[in-house]
Amino acid sequence: MSFAQVTAELVNGFETTVLIFVITLVCAVPLGLLITFGSMSKIKPIRWLVRTFVWIIRGTPLMLQVIIVFYGPGLVFEIPMTNRLLAVLIAFIINYAAYFSEIYRGGIASVPKGQYEAGQVLGMTKRQVFFRIILKQVIKRIIPPMSNEIITLVKDTSLARVVAVLELVKSAEDIVAGYGLIWPLFYVGAFYLLFCGILTILFGKIEKKLDYYKG
């Protein structure tokens, strides 16, 4: 198998990797914010339920969650999950939404309470205070931990192979098994390094752009 053929096969797998990454990010970012509101709710049963859910998700391996989402419906409800990619996306979105929610919660909690009070003194509603004053500060504070989680997501996409989704690493493994070549596994690293490198540069620029606020 030539270098060009291996590259073509890996590019096909990389497309699935990027798809998992993009859909997970687009869905988990807003879902994480909703979970944050639940975990900070003044209604104790809701707050307890949401925080317990987050604790379970963060305390168990993502690989196990992927396996449960894929095999669970068939074992428990006798409704087999036929779409492997969908199972992976569901597990990834739930997992990363839980992690993002804790980052959001930490960012919101780090803003001094005096700023909430100052906004209310100016006649703003709680909603206006949050979106006009607090949110901008929270965004700046959470960019570093969010960037770490997002870069981790790039590498975690390789876990999709546990349910035979043909992502980047699975593509390389199939080549190794089918043609007895070992170097494609190392070649895979170049794809991840390039992807993570681009994200690192992007987040670095975002952090610099937000340096106008020093609070």
C-alpha atoms as a PDB file:
ATOM      1  CA  MET A   1       0.000   0.000   0.000  1.00  0.00           C
ATOM      2  CA  SER A   2       1.541   3.296  -1.084  1.00  0.00           C
ATOM      3  CA  PHE A   3       1.946   6.441   1.002  1.00  0.00           C
ATOM      4  CA  ALA A   4      -0.734   8.194  -1.089  1.00  0.00           C
ATOM      5  CA  GLN A   5      -3.207   5.343  -0.546  1.00  0.00           C
ATOM      6  CA  VAL A   6      -2.555   5.306   3.200  1.00  0.00           C
ATOM      7  CA  THR A   7      -3.006   9.066   3.314  1.00  0.00           C
ATOM      8  CA  ALA A   8      -6.327   8.805   1.465  1.00  0.00           C
ATOM      9  CA  GLU A   9      -7.586   6.169   3.921  1.00  0.00           C
ATOM     10  CA  LEU A  10      -6.505   8.224   6.926  1.00  0.00           C
ATOM     11  CA  VAL A  11      -8.092  11.367   5.512  1.00  0.00           C
ATOM     12  CA  ASN A  12     -11.408   9.495   5.317  1.00  0.00           C
ATOM     13  CA  GLY A  13     -11.056   8.536   8.971  1.00  0.00           C
ATOM     14  CA  PHE A  14      -9.991  12.060   9.859  1.00  0.00           C
ATOM     15  CA  GLU A  15     -13.212  13.416   8.366  1.00  0.00           C
ATOM     16  CA  THR A  16     -15.164  11.317  10.878  1.00  0.00           C
ATOM     17  CA  THR A  17     -12.870  12.526  13.657  1.00  0.00           C
ATOM     18  CA  VAL A  18     -13.551  16.147  12.721  1.00  0.00           C
ATOM     19  CA  LEU A  19     -17.291  15.450  12.471  1.00  0.00           C
ATOM     20  CA  ILE A  20     -17.357  13.987  15.996  1.00  0.00           C
ATOM     21  CA  PHE A  21     -15.330  16.935  17.279  1.00  0.00           C
ATOM     22  CA  VAL A  22     -17.496  19.631  15.674  1.00  0.00           C
ATOM     23  CA  ILE A  23     -20.895  18.159  16.576  1.00  0.00           C
ATOM     24  CA  THR A  24     -19.797  17.432  20.145  1.00  0.00           C
ATOM     25  CA  LEU A  25     -18.510  20.979  20.593  1.00  0.00           C
ATOM     26  CA  VAL A  26     -21.537  22.676  19.017  1.00  0.00           C
ATOM     27  CA  CYS A  27     -23.966  20.694  21.190  1.00  0.00           C
ATOM     28  CA  ALA A  28     -21.985  20.398  24.442  1.00  0.00           C
ATOM     29  CA  VAL A  29     -21.144  24.110  24.835  1.00  0.00           C
ATOM     30  CA  PRO A  30     -24.777  25.326  25.195  1.00  0.00           C
ATOM     31  CA  LEU A  31     -25.903  22.145  26.982  1.00  0.00           C
ATOM     32  CA  GLY A  32     -23.132  22.644  29.525  1.00  0.00           C
ATOM     33  CA  LEU A  33     -24.471  26.125  30.280  1.00  0.00           C
ATOM     34  CA  LEU A  34     -27.960  24.711  30.912  1.00  0.00           C
ATOM     35  CA  ILE A  35     -26.466  22.107  33.248  1.00  0.00           C
ATOM     36  CA  THR A  36     -24.618  24.902  35.056  1.00  0.00           C
ATOM     37  CA  PHE A  37     -27.863  26.759  35.705  1.00  0.00           C
ATOM     38  CA  GLY A  38     -29.313  23.527  37.084  1.00  0.00           C
ATOM     39  CA  SER A  39     -26.319  22.898  39.349  1.00  0.00           C
ATOM     40  CA  MET A  40     -26.574  26.471  40.692  1.00  0.00           C
ATOM     41  CA  SER A  41     -30.363  26.388  41.059  1.00  0.00           C
ATOM     42  CA  LYS A  42     -31.868  27.598  44.322  1.00  0.00           C
ATOM     43  CA  ILE A  43     -34.235  24.617  44.197  1.00  0.00           C
ATOM     44  CA  LYS A  44     -32.388  21.979  46.199  1.00  0.00           C
ATOM     45  CA  PRO A  45     -33.805  18.818  44.535  1.00  0.00           C
ATOM     46  CA  ILE A  46     -32.857  20.145  41.079  1.00  0.00           C
ATOM     47  CA  ARG A  47     -29.414  21.239  42.259  1.00  0.00           C
ATOM     48  CA  TRP A  48     -28.790  17.892  43.957  1.00  0.00           C
ATOM     49  CA  LEU A  49     -30.011  15.893  40.942  1.00  0.00           C
ATOM     50  CA  VAL A  50     -27.913  17.845  38.428  1.00  0.00           C
ATOM     51  CA  ARG A  51     -24.763  17.769  40.557  1.00  0.00           C
ATOM     52  CA  THR A  52     -25.178  14.016  41.098  1.00  0.00           C
ATOM     53  CA  PHE A  53     -25.506  13.547  37.348  1.00  0.00           C
ATOM     54  CA  VAL A  54     -22.353  15.609  36.717  1.00  0.00           C
ATOM     55  CA  TRP A  55     -20.485  13.673  39.422  1.00  0.00           C
ATOM     56  CA  ILE A  56     -21.386  10.339  37.809  1.00  0.00           C
ATOM     57  CA  ILE A  57     -20.422  11.477  34.302  1.00  0.00           C
ATOM     58  CA  ARG A  58     -17.125  13.000  35.431  1.00  0.00           C
ATOM     59  CA  GLY A  59     -16.343  10.019  37.655  1.00  0.00           C
ATOM     60  CA  THR A  60     -16.660   7.322  34.993  1.00  0.00           C
ATOM     61  CA  PRO A  61     -14.537   6.756  31.855  1.00  0.00           C
ATOM     62  CA  LEU A  62     -15.783   8.163  28.556  1.00  0.00           C
ATOM     63  CA  MET A  63     -15.045   4.799  26.935  1.00  0.00           C
ATOM     64  CA  LEU A  64     -17.451   3.101  29.339  1.00  0.00           C
ATOM     65  CA  GLN A  65     -20.103   5.714  28.594  1.00  0.00           C
ATOM     66  CA  VAL A  66     -19.767   5.089  24.856  1.00  0.00           C
ATOM     67  CA  ILE A  67     -20.195   1.344  25.424  1.00  0.00           C
ATOM     68  CA  ILE A  68     -23.241   1.876  27.672  1.00  0.00           C
ATOM     69  CA  VAL A  69     -24.952   4.222  25.205  1.00  0.00           C
ATOM     70  CA  PHE A  70     -24.368   1.807  22.331  1.00  0.00           C
ATOM     71  CA  TYR A  71     -25.168  -1.504  24.036  1.00  0.00           C
ATOM     72  CA  GLY A  72     -27.436  -0.298  26.871  1.00  0.00           C
ATOM     73  CA  PRO A  73     -30.700   0.222  24.925  1.00  0.00           C
ATOM     74  CA  GLY A  74     -30.465  -3.283  23.468  1.00  0.00           C
ATOM     75  CA  LEU A  75     -29.700  -4.947  26.799  1.00  0.00           C
ATOM     76  CA  VAL A  76     -32.189  -2.992  28.927  1.00  0.00           C
ATOM     77  CA  PHE A  77     -35.051  -2.137  26.567  1.00  0.00           C
ATOM     78  CA  GLU A  78     -34.366  -4.677  23.788  1.00  0.00           C
ATOM     79  CA  ILE A  79     -34.088  -1.764  21.343  1.00  0.00           C
ATOM     80  CA  PRO A  80     -30.641  -2.133  19.787  1.00  0.00           C
ATOM     81  CA  MET A  81     -28.733   0.998  18.824  1.00  0.00           C
ATOM     82  CA  THR A  82     -28.040   0.549  15.119  1.00  0.00           C
ATOM     83  CA  ASN A  83     -26.262   3.841  14.485  1.00  0.00           C
ATOM     84  CA  ARG A  84     -22.782   3.569  15.973  1.00  0.00           C
ATOM     85  CA  LEU A  85     -21.828   7.168  15.216  1.00  0.00           C
ATOM     86  CA  LEU A  86     -24.995   8.458  16.882  1.00  0.00           C
ATOM     87  CA  ALA A  87     -24.184   6.478  20.028  1.00  0.00           C
ATOM     88  CA  VAL A  88     -20.702   7.985  20.096  1.00  0.00           C
ATOM     89  CA  LEU A  89     -22.071  11.508  19.646  1.00  0.00           C
ATOM     90  CA  ILE A  90     -24.611  11.104  22.443  1.00  0.00           C
ATOM     91  CA  ALA A  91     -21.954   9.849  24.860  1.00  0.00           C
ATOM     92  CA  PHE A  92     -19.474  12.554  23.882  1.00  0.00           C
ATOM     93  CA  ILE A  93     -21.994  15.395  24.104  1.00  0.00           C
ATOM     94  CA  ILE A  94     -23.202  14.335  27.551  1.00  0.00           C
ATOM     95  CA  ASN A  95     -19.654  13.813  28.829  1.00  0.00           C
ATOM     96  CA  TYR A  96     -18.262  17.107  27.609  1.00  0.00           C
ATOM     97  CA  ALA A  97     -21.374  19.069  28.596  1.00  0.00           C
ATOM     98  CA  ALA A  98     -20.803  17.857  32.164  1.00  0.00           C
ATOM     99  CA  TYR A  99     -17.159  18.947  32.105  1.00  0.00           C
ATOM    100  CA  PHE A 100     -17.973  22.297  30.500  1.00  0.00           C
ATOM    101  CA  SER A 101     -20.688  22.920  33.102  1.00  0.00           C
ATOM    102  CA  GLU A 102     -18.144  22.725  35.911  1.00  0.00           C
ATOM    103  CA  ILE A 103     -15.848  25.136  34.070  1.00  0.00           C
ATOM    104  CA  TYR A 104     -18.764  27.548  33.631  1.00  0.00           C
ATOM    105  CA  ARG A 105     -19.754  27.189  37.276  1.00  0.00           C
ATOM    106  CA  GLY A 106     -16.218  27.940  38.427  1.00  0.00           C
ATOM    107  CA  GLY A 107     -16.045  30.963  36.136  1.00  0.00           C
ATOM    108  CA  ILE A 108     -19.345  32.370  37.356  1.00  0.00           C
ATOM    109  CA  ALA A 109     -18.438  31.758  41.002  1.00  0.00           C
ATOM    110  CA  SER A 110     -15.118  33.572  40.529  1.00  0.00           C
ATOM    111  CA  VAL A 111     -16.819  36.889  39.704  1.00  0.00           C
ATOM    112  CA  PRO A 112     -17.158  39.014  42.889  1.00  0.00           C
ATOM    113  CA  LYS A 113     -20.716  39.272  44.219  1.00  0.00           C
ATOM    114  CA  GLY A 114     -20.291  43.023  44.426  1.00  0.00           C
ATOM    115  CA  GLN A 115     -20.591  43.228  40.656  1.00  0.00           C
ATOM    116  CA  TYR A 116     -24.014  41.624  40.755  1.00  0.00           C
ATOM    117  CA  GLU A 117     -25.077  44.103  43.423  1.00  0.00           C
ATOM    118  CA  ALA A 118     -23.641  47.048  41.481  1.00  0.00           C
ATOM    119  CA  GLY A 119     -25.624  46.079  38.406  1.00  0.00           C
ATOM    120  CA  GLN A 120     -28.836  45.812  40.387  1.00  0.00           C
ATOM    121  CA  VAL A 121     -28.182  49.211  41.963  1.00  0.00           C
ATOM    122  CA  LEU A 122     -28.020  50.628  38.432  1.00  0.00           C
ATOM    123  CA  GLY A 123     -31.522  49.291  37.842  1.00  0.00           C
ATOM    124  CA  MET A 124     -30.611  46.214  35.802  1.00  0.00           C
ATOM    125  CA  THR A 125     -32.523  42.962  36.090  1.00  0.00           C
ATOM    126  CA  LYS A 126     -30.638  39.798  37.069  1.00  0.00           C
ATOM    127  CA  ARG A 127     -30.733  38.695  33.435  1.00  0.00           C
ATOM    128  CA  GLN A 128     -29.251  41.994  32.253  1.00  0.00           C
ATOM    129  CA  VAL A 129     -26.546  41.884  34.927  1.00  0.00           C
ATOM    130  CA  PHE A 130     -25.544  38.385  33.875  1.00  0.00           C
ATOM    131  CA  PHE A 131     -25.422  38.959  30.124  1.00  0.00           C
ATOM    132  CA  ARG A 132     -24.076  42.545  30.135  1.00  0.00           C
ATOM    133  CA  ILE A 133     -21.607  42.444  33.034  1.00  0.00           C
ATOM    134  CA  ILE A 134     -20.882  38.938  34.293  1.00  0.00           C
ATOM    135  CA  LEU A 135     -20.793  36.896  31.082  1.00  0.00           C
ATOM    136  CA  LYS A 136     -17.956  38.870  29.482  1.00  0.00           C
ATOM    137  CA  GLN A 137     -15.791  38.352  32.536  1.00  0.00           C
ATOM    138  CA  VAL A 138     -16.703  34.684  32.757  1.00  0.00           C
ATOM    139  CA  ILE A 139     -15.746  34.109  29.113  1.00  0.00           C
ATOM    140  CA  LYS A 140     -12.277  35.532  29.700  1.00  0.00           C
ATOM    141  CA  ARG A 141     -11.769  33.462  32.842  1.00  0.00           C
ATOM    142  CA  ILE A 142     -12.870  30.158  31.297  1.00  0.00           C
ATOM    143  CA  ILE A 143     -10.963  30.364  27.997  1.00  0.00           C
ATOM    144  CA  PRO A 144      -7.788  28.603  29.328  1.00  0.00           C
ATOM    145  CA  PRO A 145      -9.586  25.605  30.914  1.00  0.00           C
ATOM    146  CA  MET A 146     -12.035  25.402  28.013  1.00  0.00           C
ATOM    147  CA  SER A 147      -9.179  25.320  25.511  1.00  0.00           C
ATOM    148  CA  ASN A 148      -7.600  22.438  27.438  1.00  0.00           C
ATOM    149  CA  GLU A 149     -10.848  20.460  27.384  1.00  0.00           C
ATOM    150  CA  ILE A 150     -11.426  21.151  23.697  1.00  0.00           C
ATOM    151  CA  ILE A 151      -7.920  19.972  22.785  1.00  0.00           C
ATOM    152  CA  THR A 152      -8.534  16.877  24.922  1.00  0.00           C
ATOM    153  CA  LEU A 153     -11.719  16.314  22.913  1.00  0.00           C
ATOM    154  CA  VAL A 154      -9.646  16.086  19.725  1.00  0.00           C
ATOM    155  CA  LYS A 155      -7.701  13.159  21.178  1.00  0.00           C
ATOM    156  CA  ASP A 156     -10.732  11.558  22.846  1.00  0.00           C
ATOM    157  CA  THR A 157     -12.408  11.128  19.456  1.00  0.00           C
ATOM    158  CA  SER A 158     -10.171   8.057  19.076  1.00  0.00           C
ATOM    159  CA  LEU A 159     -12.393   6.315  21.658  1.00  0.00           C
ATOM    160  CA  ALA A 160     -15.092   6.023  18.987  1.00  0.00           C
ATOM    161  CA  ARG A 161     -13.246   2.976  17.689  1.00  0.00           C
ATOM    162  CA  VAL A 162     -14.438   0.888  20.683  1.00  0.00           C
ATOM    163  CA  VAL A 163     -17.788   0.541  18.894  1.00  0.00           C
ATOM    164  CA  ALA A 164     -16.128   0.201  15.467  1.00  0.00           C
ATOM    165  CA  VAL A 165     -16.679   3.758  14.236  1.00  0.00           C
ATOM    166  CA  LEU A 166     -14.175   4.314  11.437  1.00  0.00           C
ATOM    167  CA  GLU A 167     -12.374   7.385  12.787  1.00  0.00           C
ATOM    168  CA  LEU A 168      -8.692   8.224  12.341  1.00  0.00           C
ATOM    169  CA  VAL A 169      -7.098   5.655  14.668  1.00  0.00           C
ATOM    170  CA  LYS A 170      -9.503   2.897  13.587  1.00  0.00           C
ATOM    171  CA  SER A 171      -8.566   3.595   9.956  1.00  0.00           C
ATOM    172  CA  ALA A 172      -4.884   3.197  10.826  1.00  0.00           C
ATOM    173  CA  GLU A 173      -5.560  -0.013  12.776  1.00  0.00           C
ATOM    174  CA  ASP A 174      -7.407  -1.495   9.790  1.00  0.00           C
ATOM    175  CA  ILE A 175      -4.440  -0.705   7.546  1.00  0.00           C
ATOM    176  CA  VAL A 176      -2.038  -2.312  10.036  1.00  0.00           C
ATOM    177  CA  ALA A 177      -4.221  -5.432  10.268  1.00  0.00           C
ATOM    178  CA  GLY A 178      -4.854  -5.682   6.550  1.00  0.00           C
ATOM    179  CA  TYR A 179      -1.427  -4.853   5.121  1.00  0.00           C
ATOM    180  CA  GLY A 180       0.988  -5.547   7.961  1.00  0.00           C
ATOM    181  CA  LEU A 181       2.252  -1.958   7.994  1.00  0.00           C
ATOM    182  CA  ILE A 182       3.129  -0.327  11.315  1.00  0.00           C
ATOM    183  CA  TRP A 183       4.123   3.164  10.200  1.00  0.00           C
ATOM    184  CA  PRO A 184       0.521   4.405   9.573  1.00  0.00           C
ATOM    185  CA  LEU A 185      -0.005   4.364  13.355  1.00  0.00           C
ATOM    186  CA  PHE A 186       2.819   6.877  13.724  1.00  0.00           C
ATOM    187  CA  TYR A 187       1.529   8.846  10.742  1.00  0.00           C
ATOM    188  CA  VAL A 188      -1.758   9.307  12.604  1.00  0.00           C
ATOM    189  CA  GLY A 189       0.121  11.398  15.153  1.00  0.00           C
ATOM    190  CA  ALA A 190       0.809  14.044  12.497  1.00  0.00           C
ATOM    191  CA  PHE A 191      -2.927  14.551  11.978  1.00  0.00           C
ATOM    192  CA  TYR A 192      -3.551  15.033  15.697  1.00  0.00           C
ATOM    193  CA  LEU A 193      -0.534  17.307  16.117  1.00  0.00           C
ATOM    194  CA  LEU A 194      -1.670  19.504  13.229  1.00  0.00           C
ATOM    195  CA  PHE A 195      -5.257  19.698  14.494  1.00  0.00           C
ATOM    196  CA  CYS A 196      -4.227  20.452  18.086  1.00  0.00           C
ATOM    197  CA  GLY A 197      -1.600  22.928  16.879  1.00  0.00           C
ATOM    198  CA  ILE A 198      -4.185  24.920  14.941  1.00  0.00           C
ATOM    199  CA  LEU A 199      -6.510  24.987  17.957  1.00  0.00           C
ATOM    200  CA  THR A 200      -3.665  26.062  20.264  1.00  0.00           C
ATOM    201  CA  ILE A 201      -2.832  29.005  17.991  1.00  0.00           C
ATOM    202  CA  LEU A 202      -6.520  29.927  17.718  1.00  0.00           C
ATOM    203  CA  PHE A 203      -7.088  29.936  21.472  1.00  0.00           C
ATOM    204  CA  GLY A 204      -3.865  31.874  21.990  1.00  0.00           C
ATOM    205  CA  LYS A 205      -5.180  34.621  19.730  1.00  0.00           C
ATOM    206  CA  ILE A 206      -8.545  34.613  21.520  1.00  0.00           C
ATOM    207  CA  GLU A 207      -6.817  35.037  24.897  1.00  0.00           C
ATOM    208  CA  LYS A 208      -4.763  37.960  23.568  1.00  0.00           C
ATOM    209  CA  LYS A 209      -7.895  39.579  22.134  1.00  0.00           C
ATOM    210  CA  LEU A 210      -9.553  39.395  25.558  1.00  0.00           C
ATOM    211  CA  ASP A 211      -6.575  40.998  27.316  1.00  0.00           C
ATOM    212  CA  TYR A 212      -8.341  44.348  27.148  1.00  0.00           C
ATOM    213  CA  TYR A 213     -10.123  43.319  30.347  1.00  0.00           C
ATOM    214  CA  LYS A 214      -7.728  42.925  33.263  1.00  0.00           C
ATOM    215  CA  GLY A 215     -10.208  42.205  36.063  1.00  0.00           C
END
